[in-house]
Amino acid sequence: MLEQHGLIGSMGRVGAAGDNAAMESFYSLLQNNVLDREVWATRQQLRMKIVTWIEKTYHRRRKQQELGRMTPVQFEAHLLEQAVALAA
């Protein structure tokens, strides 16, 4: 099916599950929140929905324990504030 749609499958090694855990988690969220929600008429429609979901939901609403319960956008803003304060 991948070949039929002009896609390339995973190139990961067998037994390297730890290396793929973050991406597997991301793709699971993407599958549940975008891909399985409707049938897409064109690849462009799907692409736009994925980009919108990543920018509006994944980066701006999803808080992460590793980032001190901040979203990635909040964490980046916090780092920028710290850098500006240290440069002053």
C-alpha atoms as a PDB file:
ATOM      1  CA  MET A   1       0.000   0.000   0.000  1.00  0.00           C
ATOM      2  CA  LEU A   2       2.868   2.401   0.757  1.00  0.00           C
ATOM      3  CA  GLU A   3       4.349   1.849  -2.679  1.00  0.00           C
ATOM      4  CA  GLN A   4       0.936   2.336  -4.301  1.00  0.00           C
ATOM      5  CA  HIS A   5       0.732   5.812  -2.727  1.00  0.00           C
ATOM      6  CA  GLY A   6       4.355   6.747  -3.382  1.00  0.00           C
ATOM      7  CA  LEU A   7       5.405   6.554   0.266  1.00  0.00           C
ATOM      8  CA  ILE A   8       8.417   5.000   1.985  1.00  0.00           C
ATOM      9  CA  GLY A   9       8.062   2.832   5.064  1.00  0.00           C
ATOM     10  CA  SER A  10       9.953   3.153   8.337  1.00  0.00           C
ATOM     11  CA  MET A  11      13.686   2.720   8.092  1.00  0.00           C
ATOM     12  CA  GLY A  12      14.187   1.890  11.783  1.00  0.00           C
ATOM     13  CA  ARG A  13      16.095  -1.136  13.001  1.00  0.00           C
ATOM     14  CA  VAL A  14      14.438  -4.086  14.623  1.00  0.00           C
ATOM     15  CA  GLY A  15      14.827  -3.930  18.399  1.00  0.00           C
ATOM     16  CA  ALA A  16      15.330  -0.159  18.555  1.00  0.00           C
ATOM     17  CA  ALA A  17      11.895   0.572  20.031  1.00  0.00           C
ATOM     18  CA  GLY A  18      13.248   3.093  22.543  1.00  0.00           C
ATOM     19  CA  ASP A  19      14.512   5.253  19.703  1.00  0.00           C
ATOM     20  CA  ASN A  20      11.053   5.347  18.137  1.00  0.00           C
ATOM     21  CA  ALA A  21       8.914   5.854  21.257  1.00  0.00           C
ATOM     22  CA  ALA A  22       8.443   9.623  20.866  1.00  0.00           C
ATOM     23  CA  MET A  23       7.488   9.356  17.204  1.00  0.00           C
ATOM     24  CA  GLU A  24       5.169   6.425  17.869  1.00  0.00           C
ATOM     25  CA  SER A  25       3.404   8.521  20.506  1.00  0.00           C
ATOM     26  CA  PHE A  26       3.108  11.465  18.095  1.00  0.00           C
ATOM     27  CA  TYR A  27       1.747   9.288  15.286  1.00  0.00           C
ATOM     28  CA  SER A  28      -0.756   7.692  17.650  1.00  0.00           C
ATOM     29  CA  LEU A  29      -2.091  11.145  18.587  1.00  0.00           C
ATOM     30  CA  LEU A  30      -2.130  12.176  14.920  1.00  0.00           C
ATOM     31  CA  GLN A  31      -3.993   9.005  13.967  1.00  0.00           C
ATOM     32  CA  ASN A  32      -6.644   9.465  16.657  1.00  0.00           C
ATOM     33  CA  ASN A  33      -7.094  13.219  16.275  1.00  0.00           C
ATOM     34  CA  VAL A  34      -6.807  13.728  12.517  1.00  0.00           C
ATOM     35  CA  LEU A  35      -6.424  10.685  10.291  1.00  0.00           C
ATOM     36  CA  ASP A  36      -9.284   8.591  11.674  1.00  0.00           C
ATOM     37  CA  ARG A  37     -11.756  11.491  11.915  1.00  0.00           C
ATOM     38  CA  GLU A  38     -12.841  11.684   8.269  1.00  0.00           C
ATOM     39  CA  VAL A  39     -12.105  10.605   4.701  1.00  0.00           C
ATOM     40  CA  TRP A  40      -9.936  13.068   2.810  1.00  0.00           C
ATOM     41  CA  ALA A  41     -10.704  13.908  -0.819  1.00  0.00           C
ATOM     42  CA  THR A  42      -7.170  15.102  -1.611  1.00  0.00           C
ATOM     43  CA  ARG A  43      -3.697  14.855  -0.121  1.00  0.00           C
ATOM     44  CA  GLN A  44      -3.636  18.672   0.071  1.00  0.00           C
ATOM     45  CA  GLN A  45      -6.729  18.716   2.313  1.00  0.00           C
ATOM     46  CA  LEU A  46      -5.136  16.139   4.598  1.00  0.00           C
ATOM     47  CA  ARG A  47      -1.836  18.030   4.613  1.00  0.00           C
ATOM     48  CA  MET A  48      -3.543  21.268   5.645  1.00  0.00           C
ATOM     49  CA  LYS A  49      -5.489  19.504   8.402  1.00  0.00           C
ATOM     50  CA  ILE A  50      -2.287  17.926   9.758  1.00  0.00           C
ATOM     51  CA  VAL A  51      -0.416  21.256   9.734  1.00  0.00           C
ATOM     52  CA  THR A  52      -3.348  23.010  11.404  1.00  0.00           C
ATOM     53  CA  TRP A  53      -3.601  20.314  14.089  1.00  0.00           C
ATOM     54  CA  ILE A  54       0.136  20.465  14.816  1.00  0.00           C
ATOM     55  CA  GLU A  55       0.242  24.269  15.018  1.00  0.00           C
ATOM     56  CA  LYS A  56      -3.060  24.895  16.821  1.00  0.00           C
ATOM     57  CA  THR A  57      -3.309  21.878  19.104  1.00  0.00           C
ATOM     58  CA  TYR A  58      -0.114  19.839  19.393  1.00  0.00           C
ATOM     59  CA  HIS A  59       2.258  22.788  19.957  1.00  0.00           C
ATOM     60  CA  ARG A  60      -0.095  25.210  21.718  1.00  0.00           C
ATOM     61  CA  ARG A  61      -2.371  23.149  23.979  1.00  0.00           C
ATOM     62  CA  ARG A  62      -0.524  19.943  24.822  1.00  0.00           C
ATOM     63  CA  LYS A  63       1.331  20.413  28.100  1.00  0.00           C
ATOM     64  CA  GLN A  64       4.396  18.251  28.710  1.00  0.00           C
ATOM     65  CA  GLN A  65       5.738  17.005  32.009  1.00  0.00           C
ATOM     66  CA  GLU A  66       9.327  17.344  30.751  1.00  0.00           C
ATOM     67  CA  LEU A  67       8.726  21.026  30.022  1.00  0.00           C
ATOM     68  CA  GLY A  68       7.420  21.842  33.488  1.00  0.00           C
ATOM     69  CA  ARG A  69       3.773  21.362  32.451  1.00  0.00           C
ATOM     70  CA  MET A  70       4.131  24.025  29.753  1.00  0.00           C
ATOM     71  CA  THR A  71       3.201  23.710  26.109  1.00  0.00           C
ATOM     72  CA  PRO A  72       6.117  23.702  23.629  1.00  0.00           C
ATOM     73  CA  VAL A  73       5.216  27.277  22.591  1.00  0.00           C
ATOM     74  CA  GLN A  74       5.157  28.462  26.228  1.00  0.00           C
ATOM     75  CA  PHE A  75       8.483  26.720  26.911  1.00  0.00           C
ATOM     76  CA  GLU A  76      10.159  28.385  23.913  1.00  0.00           C
ATOM     77  CA  ALA A  77       8.854  31.793  25.028  1.00  0.00           C
ATOM     78  CA  HIS A  78      10.199  31.134  28.541  1.00  0.00           C
ATOM     79  CA  LEU A  79      13.633  30.219  27.145  1.00  0.00           C
ATOM     80  CA  LEU A  80      13.663  33.381  25.032  1.00  0.00           C
ATOM     81  CA  GLU A  81      12.805  35.513  28.078  1.00  0.00           C
ATOM     82  CA  GLN A  82      15.682  33.909  30.006  1.00  0.00           C
ATOM     83  CA  ALA A  83      18.117  34.489  27.141  1.00  0.00           C
ATOM     84  CA  VAL A  84      17.115  38.147  26.826  1.00  0.00           C
ATOM     85  CA  ALA A  85      17.455  38.636  30.594  1.00  0.00           C
ATOM     86  CA  LEU A  86      20.928  37.052  30.590  1.00  0.00           C
ATOM     87  CA  ALA A  87      22.049  39.156  27.617  1.00  0.00           C
ATOM     88  CA  ALA A  88      20.997  42.427  29.291  1.00  0.00           C
END
